[in-house]
Amino acid sequence: MEARTLLSNNLKAMMKIQGIDTQKALADCAGVSITQVANILHHRKAASVDVVEKFADALGCPCWQLLAPGLQNLKQSDQNVLDILTWIMNLPENDRELMLKVIFRFAILHHESTLQ
């Protein structure tokens, strides 16, 4: 999928998740013009990295998430998981390793319990 289409679809999905229902609201949150938002949402113009970063900040997600395939199918529960993973990845290395070990152990225990 073309990057402009991917960004547009993902912006729309994140706007829905965050309860941002108008282009003007996104423009105000991101500190960009409504014309710029409309051009990006309708694939007329490419967004600069700086603008993608502004959108990500306004929508409370990392920049990569706005360019990731499949985001338009994201549900709120999936967003919560992504938020947790982003939080974990921003932990100091020792804390991150410990947290990932705990999650891995939990997953094993959960899997074992479903086999019984």
PDB file of N, CA and C in Angstrom:
ATOM      1  N   MET A   1       0.846  -1.181   0.000  1.00  0.00           N
ATOM      2  CA  MET A   1       0.000   0.000   0.000  1.00  0.00           C
ATOM      3  C   MET A   1       0.888   1.240   0.000  1.00  0.00           C
ATOM      4  N   GLU A   2       0.475   2.229  -0.737  1.00  0.00           N
ATOM      5  CA  GLU A   2       1.216   3.484  -0.829  1.00  0.00           C
ATOM      6  C   GLU A   2       1.268   4.182   0.532  1.00  0.00           C
ATOM      7  N   ALA A   3       2.386   4.810   0.830  1.00  0.00           N
ATOM      8  CA  ALA A   3       2.589   5.439   2.145  1.00  0.00           C
ATOM      9  C   ALA A   3       1.541   6.515   2.436  1.00  0.00           C
ATOM     10  N   ARG A   4       1.158   7.302   1.433  1.00  0.00           N
ATOM     11  CA  ARG A   4       0.146   8.348   1.669  1.00  0.00           C
ATOM     12  C   ARG A   4      -1.189   7.743   2.082  1.00  0.00           C
ATOM     13  N   THR A   5      -1.569   6.648   1.419  1.00  0.00           N
ATOM     14  CA  THR A   5      -2.827   5.965   1.736  1.00  0.00           C
ATOM     15  C   THR A   5      -2.762   5.356   3.123  1.00  0.00           C
ATOM     16  N   LEU A   6      -1.634   4.736   3.432  1.00  0.00           N
ATOM     17  CA  LEU A   6      -1.435   4.121   4.741  1.00  0.00           C
ATOM     18  C   LEU A   6      -1.540   5.165   5.848  1.00  0.00           C
ATOM     19  N   LEU A   7      -0.863   6.287   5.680  1.00  0.00           N
ATOM     20  CA  LEU A   7      -0.920   7.362   6.676  1.00  0.00           C
ATOM     21  C   LEU A   7      -2.348   7.882   6.824  1.00  0.00           C
ATOM     22  N   SER A   8      -3.015   8.111   5.718  1.00  0.00           N
ATOM     23  CA  SER A   8      -4.389   8.616   5.764  1.00  0.00           C
ATOM     24  C   SER A   8      -5.306   7.643   6.505  1.00  0.00           C
ATOM     25  N   ASN A   9      -5.250   6.367   6.151  1.00  0.00           N
ATOM     26  CA  ASN A   9      -6.092   5.357   6.805  1.00  0.00           C
ATOM     27  C   ASN A   9      -5.796   5.278   8.298  1.00  0.00           C
ATOM     28  N   ASN A  10      -4.514   5.315   8.652  1.00  0.00           N
ATOM     29  CA  ASN A  10      -4.131   5.201  10.056  1.00  0.00           C
ATOM     30  C   ASN A  10      -4.506   6.448  10.853  1.00  0.00           C
ATOM     31  N   LEU A  11      -4.396   7.604  10.233  1.00  0.00           N
ATOM     32  CA  LEU A  11      -4.836   8.834  10.911  1.00  0.00           C
ATOM     33  C   LEU A  11      -6.332   8.761  11.207  1.00  0.00           C
ATOM     34  N   LYS A  12      -7.101   8.317  10.235  1.00  0.00           N
ATOM     35  CA  LYS A  12      -8.548   8.207  10.426  1.00  0.00           C
ATOM     36  C   LYS A  12      -8.876   7.206  11.536  1.00  0.00           C
ATOM     37  N   ALA A  13      -8.159   6.076  11.549  1.00  0.00           N
ATOM     38  CA  ALA A  13      -8.397   5.066  12.591  1.00  0.00           C
ATOM     39  C   ALA A  13      -8.050   5.615  13.968  1.00  0.00           C
ATOM     40  N   MET A  14      -6.913   6.303  14.088  1.00  0.00           N
ATOM     41  CA  MET A  14      -6.511   6.851  15.387  1.00  0.00           C
ATOM     42  C   MET A  14      -7.427   7.987  15.817  1.00  0.00           C
ATOM     43  N   MET A  15      -7.894   8.768  14.865  1.00  0.00           N
ATOM     44  CA  MET A  15      -8.845   9.828  15.202  1.00  0.00           C
ATOM     45  C   MET A  15     -10.100   9.211  15.809  1.00  0.00           C
ATOM     46  N   LYS A  16     -10.573   8.133  15.214  1.00  0.00           N
ATOM     47  CA  LYS A  16     -11.773   7.460  15.725  1.00  0.00           C
ATOM     48  C   LYS A  16     -11.531   6.924  17.136  1.00  0.00           C
ATOM     49  N   ILE A  17     -10.390   6.265  17.342  1.00  0.00           N
ATOM     50  CA  ILE A  17     -10.058   5.700  18.653  1.00  0.00           C
ATOM     51  C   ILE A  17      -9.971   6.799  19.707  1.00  0.00           C
ATOM     52  N   GLN A  18      -9.375   7.927  19.352  1.00  0.00           N
ATOM     53  CA  GLN A  18      -9.170   9.012  20.308  1.00  0.00           C
ATOM     54  C   GLN A  18     -10.380   9.944  20.420  1.00  0.00           C
ATOM     55  N   GLY A  19     -11.422   9.687  19.637  1.00  0.00           N
ATOM     56  CA  GLY A  19     -12.626  10.519  19.719  1.00  0.00           C
ATOM     57  C   GLY A  19     -12.470  11.874  19.059  1.00  0.00           C
ATOM     58  N   ILE A  20     -11.545  11.980  18.128  1.00  0.00           N
ATOM     59  CA  ILE A  20     -11.357  13.227  17.371  1.00  0.00           C
ATOM     60  C   ILE A  20     -12.186  13.087  16.107  1.00  0.00           C
ATOM     61  N   ASP A  21     -13.294  13.839  16.041  1.00  0.00           N
ATOM     62  CA  ASP A  21     -14.253  13.586  14.974  1.00  0.00           C
ATOM     63  C   ASP A  21     -14.227  14.564  13.804  1.00  0.00           C
ATOM     64  N   THR A  22     -13.344  15.554  13.854  1.00  0.00           N
ATOM     65  CA  THR A  22     -13.261  16.487  12.723  1.00  0.00           C
ATOM     66  C   THR A  22     -11.807  16.761  12.351  1.00  0.00           C
ATOM     67  N   GLN A  23     -11.635  17.158  11.104  1.00  0.00           N
ATOM     68  CA  GLN A  23     -10.298  17.547  10.643  1.00  0.00           C
ATOM     69  C   GLN A  23      -9.805  18.763  11.415  1.00  0.00           C
ATOM     70  N   LYS A  24     -10.712  19.664  11.721  1.00  0.00           N
ATOM     71  CA  LYS A  24     -10.337  20.863  12.469  1.00  0.00           C
ATOM     72  C   LYS A  24      -9.815  20.492  13.854  1.00  0.00           C
ATOM     73  N   ALA A  25     -10.472  19.537  14.497  1.00  0.00           N
ATOM     74  CA  ALA A  25     -10.028  19.113  15.826  1.00  0.00           C
ATOM     75  C   ALA A  25      -8.624  18.516  15.755  1.00  0.00           C
ATOM     76  N   LEU A  26      -8.356  17.709  14.735  1.00  0.00           N
ATOM     77  CA  LEU A  26      -7.011  17.144  14.583  1.00  0.00           C
ATOM     78  C   LEU A  26      -6.006  18.255  14.304  1.00  0.00           C
ATOM     79  N   ALA A  27      -6.379  19.172  13.434  1.00  0.00           N
ATOM     80  CA  ALA A  27      -5.477  20.289  13.105  1.00  0.00           C
ATOM     81  C   ALA A  27      -5.139  21.092  14.358  1.00  0.00           C
ATOM     82  N   ASP A  28      -6.146  21.381  15.158  1.00  0.00           N
ATOM     83  CA  ASP A  28      -5.922  22.147  16.394  1.00  0.00           C
ATOM     84  C   ASP A  28      -5.021  21.384  17.362  1.00  0.00           C
ATOM     85  N   CYS A  29      -5.283  20.094  17.536  1.00  0.00           N
ATOM     86  CA  CYS A  29      -4.466  19.276  18.460  1.00  0.00           C
ATOM     87  C   CYS A  29      -3.019  19.165  17.989  1.00  0.00           C
ATOM     88  N   ALA A  30      -2.843  19.057  16.678  1.00  0.00           N
ATOM     89  CA  ALA A  30      -1.499  18.846  16.130  1.00  0.00           C
ATOM     90  C   ALA A  30      -0.758  20.147  15.848  1.00  0.00           C
ATOM     91  N   GLY A  31      -1.464  21.263  15.852  1.00  0.00           N
ATOM     92  CA  GLY A  31      -0.816  22.540  15.563  1.00  0.00           C
ATOM     93  C   GLY A  31      -0.463  22.708  14.096  1.00  0.00           C
ATOM     94  N   VAL A  32      -1.319  22.161  13.226  1.00  0.00           N
ATOM     95  CA  VAL A  32      -1.132  22.324  11.786  1.00  0.00           C
ATOM     96  C   VAL A  32      -2.423  22.901  11.210  1.00  0.00           C
ATOM     97  N   SER A  33      -2.384  23.296   9.948  1.00  0.00           N
ATOM     98  CA  SER A  33      -3.573  23.899   9.348  1.00  0.00           C
ATOM     99  C   SER A  33      -4.589  22.829   8.960  1.00  0.00           C
ATOM    100  N   ILE A  34      -5.841  23.231   8.921  1.00  0.00           N
ATOM    101  CA  ILE A  34      -6.895  22.307   8.509  1.00  0.00           C
ATOM    102  C   ILE A  34      -6.703  21.913   7.043  1.00  0.00           C
ATOM    103  N   THR A  35      -6.174  22.826   6.236  1.00  0.00           N
ATOM    104  CA  THR A  35      -5.891  22.529   4.828  1.00  0.00           C
ATOM    105  C   THR A  35      -4.856  21.417   4.723  1.00  0.00           C
ATOM    106  N   GLN A  36      -3.837  21.487   5.569  1.00  0.00           N
ATOM    107  CA  GLN A  36      -2.795  20.467   5.570  1.00  0.00           C
ATOM    108  C   GLN A  36      -3.383  19.104   5.968  1.00  0.00           C
ATOM    109  N   VAL A  37      -4.229  19.087   6.990  1.00  0.00           N
ATOM    110  CA  VAL A  37      -4.879  17.846   7.410  1.00  0.00           C
ATOM    111  C   VAL A  37      -5.719  17.287   6.266  1.00  0.00           C
ATOM    112  N   ALA A  38      -6.539  18.132   5.645  1.00  0.00           N
ATOM    113  CA  ALA A  38      -7.406  17.681   4.548  1.00  0.00           C
ATOM    114  C   ALA A  38      -6.588  17.123   3.395  1.00  0.00           C
ATOM    115  N   ASN A  39      -5.509  17.803   3.026  1.00  0.00           N
ATOM    116  CA  ASN A  39      -4.664  17.332   1.929  1.00  0.00           C
ATOM    117  C   ASN A  39      -4.042  15.968   2.231  1.00  0.00           C
ATOM    118  N   ILE A  40      -3.655  15.760   3.464  1.00  0.00           N
ATOM    119  CA  ILE A  40      -3.039  14.480   3.844  1.00  0.00           C
ATOM    120  C   ILE A  40      -4.104  13.388   3.928  1.00  0.00           C
ATOM    121  N   LEU A  41      -5.242  13.691   4.524  1.00  0.00           N
ATOM    122  CA  LEU A  41      -6.303  12.685   4.644  1.00  0.00           C
ATOM    123  C   LEU A  41      -6.871  12.281   3.285  1.00  0.00           C
ATOM    124  N   HIS A  42      -6.812  13.179   2.311  1.00  0.00           N
ATOM    125  CA  HIS A  42      -7.340  12.881   0.973  1.00  0.00           C
ATOM    126  C   HIS A  42      -6.235  12.546  -0.032  1.00  0.00           C
ATOM    127  N   HIS A  43      -5.030  12.281   0.469  1.00  0.00           N
ATOM    128  CA  HIS A  43      -3.873  11.811  -0.327  1.00  0.00           C
ATOM    129  C   HIS A  43      -3.402  12.832  -1.361  1.00  0.00           C
ATOM    130  N   ARG A  44      -3.729  14.092  -1.188  1.00  0.00           N
ATOM    131  CA  ARG A  44      -3.317  15.108  -2.155  1.00  0.00           C
ATOM    132  C   ARG A  44      -1.885  15.575  -1.929  1.00  0.00           C
ATOM    133  N   LYS A  45      -1.420  15.502  -0.698  1.00  0.00           N
ATOM    134  CA  LYS A  45      -0.066  15.957  -0.361  1.00  0.00           C
ATOM    135  C   LYS A  45       0.581  14.937   0.565  1.00  0.00           C
ATOM    136  N   ALA A  46       1.892  14.862   0.473  1.00  0.00           N
ATOM    137  CA  ALA A  46       2.653  14.012   1.392  1.00  0.00           C
ATOM    138  C   ALA A  46       2.910  14.789   2.677  1.00  0.00           C
ATOM    139  N   ALA A  47       3.023  14.061   3.762  1.00  0.00           N
ATOM    140  CA  ALA A  47       3.320  14.694   5.050  1.00  0.00           C
ATOM    141  C   ALA A  47       4.816  14.609   5.316  1.00  0.00           C
ATOM    142  N   SER A  48       5.358  15.671   5.872  1.00  0.00           N
ATOM    143  CA  SER A  48       6.767  15.636   6.272  1.00  0.00           C
ATOM    144  C   SER A  48       6.893  14.814   7.556  1.00  0.00           C
ATOM    145  N   VAL A  49       8.087  14.416   7.869  1.00  0.00           N
ATOM    146  CA  VAL A  49       8.330  13.689   9.117  1.00  0.00           C
ATOM    147  C   VAL A  49       7.906  14.545  10.308  1.00  0.00           C
ATOM    148  N   ASP A  50       8.159  15.830  10.237  1.00  0.00           N
ATOM    149  CA  ASP A  50       7.766  16.729  11.332  1.00  0.00           C
ATOM    150  C   ASP A  50       6.255  16.735  11.539  1.00  0.00           C
ATOM    151  N   VAL A  51       5.501  16.725  10.452  1.00  0.00           N
ATOM    152  CA  VAL A  51       4.045  16.727  10.556  1.00  0.00           C
ATOM    153  C   VAL A  51       3.548  15.387  11.094  1.00  0.00           C
ATOM    154  N   VAL A  52       4.142  14.288  10.627  1.00  0.00           N
ATOM    155  CA  VAL A  52       3.764  12.970  11.161  1.00  0.00           C
ATOM    156  C   VAL A  52       4.019  12.938  12.666  1.00  0.00           C
ATOM    157  N   GLU A  53       5.128  13.513  13.095  1.00  0.00           N
ATOM    158  CA  GLU A  53       5.445  13.569  14.526  1.00  0.00           C
ATOM    159  C   GLU A  53       4.400  14.396  15.286  1.00  0.00           C
ATOM    160  N   LYS A  54       3.949  15.495  14.703  1.00  0.00           N
ATOM    161  CA  LYS A  54       2.914  16.318  15.341  1.00  0.00           C
ATOM    162  C   LYS A  54       1.607  15.531  15.464  1.00  0.00           C
ATOM    163  N   PHE A  55       1.251  14.801  14.407  1.00  0.00           N
ATOM    164  CA  PHE A  55       0.045  13.972  14.453  1.00  0.00           C
ATOM    165  C   PHE A  55       0.173  12.912  15.543  1.00  0.00           C
ATOM    166  N   ALA A  56       1.322  12.257  15.586  1.00  0.00           N
ATOM    167  CA  ALA A  56       1.536  11.207  16.584  1.00  0.00           C
ATOM    168  C   ALA A  56       1.407  11.768  17.997  1.00  0.00           C
ATOM    169  N   ASP A  57       2.007  12.916  18.241  1.00  0.00           N
ATOM    170  CA  ASP A  57       1.898  13.551  19.562  1.00  0.00           C
ATOM    171  C   ASP A  57       0.441  13.879  19.883  1.00  0.00           C
ATOM    172  N   ALA A  58      -0.272  14.420  18.911  1.00  0.00           N
ATOM    173  CA  ALA A  58      -1.670  14.801  19.125  1.00  0.00           C
ATOM    174  C   ALA A  58      -2.553  13.580  19.381  1.00  0.00           C
ATOM    175  N   LEU A  59      -2.207  12.452  18.744  1.00  0.00           N
ATOM    176  CA  LEU A  59      -3.023  11.242  18.859  1.00  0.00           C
ATOM    177  C   LEU A  59      -2.526  10.293  19.941  1.00  0.00           C
ATOM    178  N   GLY A  60      -1.422  10.665  20.587  1.00  0.00           N
ATOM    179  CA  GLY A  60      -0.906   9.850  21.683  1.00  0.00           C
ATOM    180  C   GLY A  60      -0.351   8.511  21.249  1.00  0.00           C
ATOM    181  N   CYS A  61       0.329   8.490  20.119  1.00  0.00           N
ATOM    182  CA  CYS A  61       0.910   7.237  19.636  1.00  0.00           C
ATOM    183  C   CYS A  61       2.306   7.512  19.074  1.00  0.00           C
ATOM    184  N   PRO A  62       3.127   6.476  18.924  1.00  0.00           N
ATOM    185  CA  PRO A  62       4.438   6.677  18.303  1.00  0.00           C
ATOM    186  C   PRO A  62       4.290   6.901  16.790  1.00  0.00           C
ATOM    187  N   CYS A  63       5.249   7.572  16.195  1.00  0.00           N
ATOM    188  CA  CYS A  63       5.200   7.875  14.754  1.00  0.00           C
ATOM    189  C   CYS A  63       5.054   6.615  13.907  1.00  0.00           C
ATOM    190  N   TRP A  64       5.787   5.570  14.266  1.00  0.00           N
ATOM    191  CA  TRP A  64       5.756   4.352  13.448  1.00  0.00           C
ATOM    192  C   TRP A  64       4.352   3.785  13.337  1.00  0.00           C
ATOM    193  N   GLN A  65       3.546   4.001  14.366  1.00  0.00           N
ATOM    194  CA  GLN A  65       2.197   3.444  14.368  1.00  0.00           C
ATOM    195  C   GLN A  65       1.342   4.060  13.259  1.00  0.00           C
ATOM    196  N   LEU A  66       1.614   5.302  12.912  1.00  0.00           N
ATOM    197  CA  LEU A  66       0.846   5.959  11.856  1.00  0.00           C
ATOM    198  C   LEU A  66       1.222   5.454  10.469  1.00  0.00           C
ATOM    199  N   LEU A  67       2.320   4.737  10.383  1.00  0.00           N
ATOM    200  CA  LEU A  67       2.760   4.206   9.086  1.00  0.00           C
ATOM    201  C   LEU A  67       2.726   2.681   9.043  1.00  0.00           C
ATOM    202  N   ALA A  68       2.172   2.066  10.082  1.00  0.00           N
ATOM    203  CA  ALA A  68       2.117   0.609  10.165  1.00  0.00           C
ATOM    204  C   ALA A  68       0.901   0.069   9.421  1.00  0.00           C
ATOM    205  N   PRO A  69       1.090  -0.990   8.631  1.00  0.00           N
ATOM    206  CA  PRO A  69      -0.060  -1.585   7.940  1.00  0.00           C
ATOM    207  C   PRO A  69      -1.052  -2.181   8.936  1.00  0.00           C
ATOM    208  N   GLY A  70      -2.326  -2.168   8.589  1.00  0.00           N
ATOM    209  CA  GLY A  70      -3.347  -2.828   9.388  1.00  0.00           C
ATOM    210  C   GLY A  70      -3.933  -2.011  10.521  1.00  0.00           C
ATOM    211  N   LEU A  71      -3.482  -0.798  10.708  1.00  0.00           N
ATOM    212  CA  LEU A  71      -3.963  -0.006  11.837  1.00  0.00           C
ATOM    213  C   LEU A  71      -5.441   0.351  11.703  1.00  0.00           C
ATOM    214  N   GLN A  72      -5.945   0.440  10.469  1.00  0.00           N
ATOM    215  CA  GLN A  72      -7.348   0.815  10.298  1.00  0.00           C
ATOM    216  C   GLN A  72      -8.288  -0.226  10.885  1.00  0.00           C
ATOM    217  N   ASN A  73      -7.784  -1.437  11.167  1.00  0.00           N
ATOM    218  CA  ASN A  73      -8.611  -2.477  11.795  1.00  0.00           C
ATOM    219  C   ASN A  73      -8.421  -2.523  13.306  1.00  0.00           C
ATOM    220  N   LEU A  74      -7.698  -1.569  13.834  1.00  0.00           N
ATOM    221  CA  LEU A  74      -7.380  -1.537  15.252  1.00  0.00           C
ATOM    222  C   LEU A  74      -8.612  -1.233  16.094  1.00  0.00           C
ATOM    223  N   LYS A  75      -8.759  -1.968  17.175  1.00  0.00           N
ATOM    224  CA  LYS A  75      -9.837  -1.715  18.134  1.00  0.00           C
ATOM    225  C   LYS A  75      -9.216  -1.041  19.354  1.00  0.00           C
ATOM    226  N   GLN A  76     -10.039  -0.505  20.233  1.00  0.00           N
ATOM    227  CA  GLN A  76      -9.527   0.166  21.425  1.00  0.00           C
ATOM    228  C   GLN A  76      -8.683  -0.781  22.264  1.00  0.00           C
ATOM    229  N   SER A  77      -9.094  -2.044  22.381  1.00  0.00           N
ATOM    230  CA  SER A  77      -8.314  -2.990  23.179  1.00  0.00           C
ATOM    231  C   SER A  77      -6.933  -3.206  22.565  1.00  0.00           C
ATOM    232  N   ASP A  78      -6.858  -3.231  21.223  1.00  0.00           N
ATOM    233  CA  ASP A  78      -5.558  -3.353  20.556  1.00  0.00           C
ATOM    234  C   ASP A  78      -4.705  -2.120  20.831  1.00  0.00           C
ATOM    235  N   GLN A  79      -5.336  -0.960  20.835  1.00  0.00           N
ATOM    236  CA  GLN A  79      -4.614   0.281  21.115  1.00  0.00           C
ATOM    237  C   GLN A  79      -4.040   0.248  22.518  1.00  0.00           C
ATOM    238  N   ASN A  80      -4.806  -0.298  23.453  1.00  0.00           N
ATOM    239  CA  ASN A  80      -4.311  -0.402  24.826  1.00  0.00           C
ATOM    240  C   ASN A  80      -3.077  -1.283  24.889  1.00  0.00           C
ATOM    241  N   VAL A  81      -3.074  -2.377  24.142  1.00  0.00           N
ATOM    242  CA  VAL A  81      -1.909  -3.267  24.101  1.00  0.00           C
ATOM    243  C   VAL A  81      -0.717  -2.528  23.501  1.00  0.00           C
ATOM    244  N   LEU A  82      -0.944  -1.790  22.418  1.00  0.00           N
ATOM    245  CA  LEU A  82       0.149  -1.016  21.812  1.00  0.00           C
ATOM    246  C   LEU A  82       0.691   0.032  22.781  1.00  0.00           C
ATOM    247  N   ASP A  83      -0.192   0.664  23.539  1.00  0.00           N
ATOM    248  CA  ASP A  83       0.243   1.649  24.536  1.00  0.00           C
ATOM    249  C   ASP A  83       1.142   0.992  25.584  1.00  0.00           C
ATOM    250  N   ILE A  84       0.744  -0.198  26.035  1.00  0.00           N
ATOM    251  CA  ILE A  84       1.543  -0.913  27.035  1.00  0.00           C
ATOM    252  C   ILE A  84       2.897  -1.312  26.456  1.00  0.00           C
ATOM    253  N   LEU A  85       2.894  -1.818  25.223  1.00  0.00           N
ATOM    254  CA  LEU A  85       4.168  -2.204  24.594  1.00  0.00           C
ATOM    255  C   LEU A  85       5.085  -0.995  24.407  1.00  0.00           C
ATOM    256  N   THR A  86       4.524   0.121  24.022  1.00  0.00           N
ATOM    257  CA  THR A  86       5.321   1.340  23.865  1.00  0.00           C
ATOM    258  C   THR A  86       5.908   1.758  25.212  1.00  0.00           C
ATOM    259  N   TRP A  87       5.099   1.683  26.259  1.00  0.00           N
ATOM    260  CA  TRP A  87       5.571   2.009  27.606  1.00  0.00           C
ATOM    261  C   TRP A  87       6.708   1.081  28.007  1.00  0.00           C
ATOM    262  N   ILE A  88       6.548  -0.212  27.753  1.00  0.00           N
ATOM    263  CA  ILE A  88       7.589  -1.190  28.102  1.00  0.00           C
ATOM    264  C   ILE A  88       8.873  -0.888  27.341  1.00  0.00           C
ATOM    265  N   MET A  89       8.766  -0.591  26.059  1.00  0.00           N
ATOM    266  CA  MET A  89       9.957  -0.353  25.248  1.00  0.00           C
ATOM    267  C   MET A  89      10.681   0.927  25.663  1.00  0.00           C
ATOM    268  N   ASN A  90      10.001   1.812  26.367  1.00  0.00           N
ATOM    269  CA  ASN A  90      10.632   3.048  26.844  1.00  0.00           C
ATOM    270  C   ASN A  90      11.207   2.924  28.247  1.00  0.00           C
ATOM    271  N   LEU A  91      11.042   1.759  28.870  1.00  0.00           N
ATOM    272  CA  LEU A  91      11.624   1.539  30.199  1.00  0.00           C
ATOM    273  C   LEU A  91      13.141   1.422  30.091  1.00  0.00           C
ATOM    274  N   PRO A  92      13.852   1.690  31.183  1.00  0.00           N
ATOM    275  CA  PRO A  92      15.291   1.417  31.197  1.00  0.00           C
ATOM    276  C   PRO A  92      15.512  -0.075  30.897  1.00  0.00           C
ATOM    277  N   GLU A  93      16.644  -0.391  30.310  1.00  0.00           N
ATOM    278  CA  GLU A  93      16.896  -1.755  29.807  1.00  0.00           C
ATOM    279  C   GLU A  93      16.647  -2.851  30.844  1.00  0.00           C
ATOM    280  N   ASN A  94      17.150  -2.702  32.058  1.00  0.00           N
ATOM    281  CA  ASN A  94      16.961  -3.739  33.075  1.00  0.00           C
ATOM    282  C   ASN A  94      15.488  -3.935  33.420  1.00  0.00           C
ATOM    283  N   ASP A  95      14.762  -2.828  33.570  1.00  0.00           N
ATOM    284  CA  ASP A  95      13.335  -2.914  33.870  1.00  0.00           C
ATOM    285  C   ASP A  95      12.572  -3.534  32.704  1.00  0.00           C
ATOM    286  N   ARG A  96      12.960  -3.144  31.481  1.00  0.00           N
ATOM    287  CA  ARG A  96      12.305  -3.681  30.289  1.00  0.00           C
ATOM    288  C   ARG A  96      12.494  -5.188  30.208  1.00  0.00           C
ATOM    289  N   GLU A  97      13.711  -5.660  30.433  1.00  0.00           N
ATOM    290  CA  GLU A  97      13.983  -7.097  30.389  1.00  0.00           C
ATOM    291  C   GLU A  97      13.171  -7.843  31.439  1.00  0.00           C
ATOM    292  N   LEU A  98      13.104  -7.303  32.638  1.00  0.00           N
ATOM    293  CA  LEU A  98      12.329  -7.931  33.703  1.00  0.00           C
ATOM    294  C   LEU A  98      10.843  -7.977  33.336  1.00  0.00           C
ATOM    295  N   MET A  99      10.308  -6.875  32.833  1.00  0.00           N
ATOM    296  CA  MET A  99       8.901  -6.818  32.455  1.00  0.00           C
ATOM    297  C   MET A  99       8.592  -7.817  31.340  1.00  0.00           C
ATOM    298  N   LEU A 100       9.464  -7.924  30.363  1.00  0.00           N
ATOM    299  CA  LEU A 100       9.243  -8.874  29.274  1.00  0.00           C
ATOM    300  C   LEU A 100       9.304 -10.315  29.769  1.00  0.00           C
ATOM    301  N   LYS A 101      10.170 -10.611  30.735  1.00  0.00           N
ATOM    302  CA  LYS A 101      10.219 -11.947  31.324  1.00  0.00           C
ATOM    303  C   LYS A 101       8.916 -12.265  32.051  1.00  0.00           C
ATOM    304  N   VAL A 102       8.386 -11.301  32.787  1.00  0.00           N
ATOM    305  CA  VAL A 102       7.123 -11.499  33.503  1.00  0.00           C
ATOM    306  C   VAL A 102       6.000 -11.766  32.501  1.00  0.00           C
ATOM    307  N   ILE A 103       5.939 -10.984  31.441  1.00  0.00           N
ATOM    308  CA  ILE A 103       4.889 -11.158  30.435  1.00  0.00           C
ATOM    309  C   ILE A 103       5.025 -12.520  29.759  1.00  0.00           C
ATOM    310  N   PHE A 104       6.251 -12.900  29.433  1.00  0.00           N
ATOM    311  CA  PHE A 104       6.492 -14.185  28.787  1.00  0.00           C
ATOM    312  C   PHE A 104       6.051 -15.322  29.700  1.00  0.00           C
ATOM    313  N   ARG A 105       6.386 -15.232  30.968  1.00  0.00           N
ATOM    314  CA  ARG A 105       5.986 -16.271  31.927  1.00  0.00           C
ATOM    315  C   ARG A 105       4.466 -16.332  32.068  1.00  0.00           C
ATOM    316  N   PHE A 106       3.842 -15.185  32.119  1.00  0.00           N
ATOM    317  CA  PHE A 106       2.384 -15.136  32.187  1.00  0.00           C
ATOM    318  C   PHE A 106       1.769 -15.806  30.959  1.00  0.00           C
ATOM    319  N   ALA A 107       2.321 -15.528  29.781  1.00  0.00           N
ATOM    320  CA  ALA A 107       1.806 -16.115  28.542  1.00  0.00           C
ATOM    321  C   ALA A 107       1.929 -17.634  28.559  1.00  0.00           C
ATOM    322  N   ILE A 108       3.055 -18.137  29.064  1.00  0.00           N
ATOM    323  CA  ILE A 108       3.249 -19.591  29.155  1.00  0.00           C
ATOM    324  C   ILE A 108       2.212 -20.196  30.098  1.00  0.00           C
ATOM    325  N   LEU A 109       2.047 -19.584  31.277  1.00  0.00           N
ATOM    326  CA  LEU A 109       1.077 -20.097  32.242  1.00  0.00           C
ATOM    327  C   LEU A 109      -0.350 -20.064  31.682  1.00  0.00           C
ATOM    328  N   HIS A 110      -0.672 -19.000  31.010  1.00  0.00           N
ATOM    329  CA  HIS A 110      -2.004 -18.882  30.414  1.00  0.00           C
ATOM    330  C   HIS A 110      -2.206 -19.967  29.355  1.00  0.00           C
ATOM    331  N   HIS A 111      -1.205 -20.149  28.520  1.00  0.00           N
ATOM    332  CA  HIS A 111      -1.293 -21.171  27.465  1.00  0.00           C
ATOM    333  C   HIS A 111      -1.460 -22.553  28.065  1.00  0.00           C
ATOM    334  N   GLU A 112      -0.675 -22.861  29.111  1.00  0.00           N
ATOM    335  CA  GLU A 112      -0.764 -24.166  29.773  1.00  0.00           C
ATOM    336  C   GLU A 112      -2.152 -24.370  30.377  1.00  0.00           C
ATOM    337  N   SER A 113      -2.725 -23.311  30.925  1.00  0.00           N
ATOM    338  CA  SER A 113      -4.048 -23.457  31.559  1.00  0.00           C
ATOM    339  C   SER A 113      -5.142 -23.695  30.513  1.00  0.00           C
ATOM    340  N   THR A 114      -4.947 -23.221  29.298  1.00  0.00           N
ATOM    341  CA  THR A 114      -5.964 -23.448  28.267  1.00  0.00           C
ATOM    342  C   THR A 114      -5.888 -24.846  27.684  1.00  0.00           C
ATOM    343  N   LEU A 115      -4.770 -25.534  27.901  1.00  0.00           N
ATOM    344  CA  LEU A 115      -4.603 -26.897  27.392  1.00  0.00           C
ATOM    345  C   LEU A 115      -5.276 -27.925  28.302  1.00  0.00           C
ATOM    346  N   GLN A 116      -5.578 -27.544  29.519  1.00  0.00           N
ATOM    347  CA  GLN A 116      -6.154 -28.488  30.482  1.00  0.00           C
ATOM    348  C   GLN A 116      -7.641 -28.566  30.385  1.00  0.00           C
TER     349      GLN A 116
END
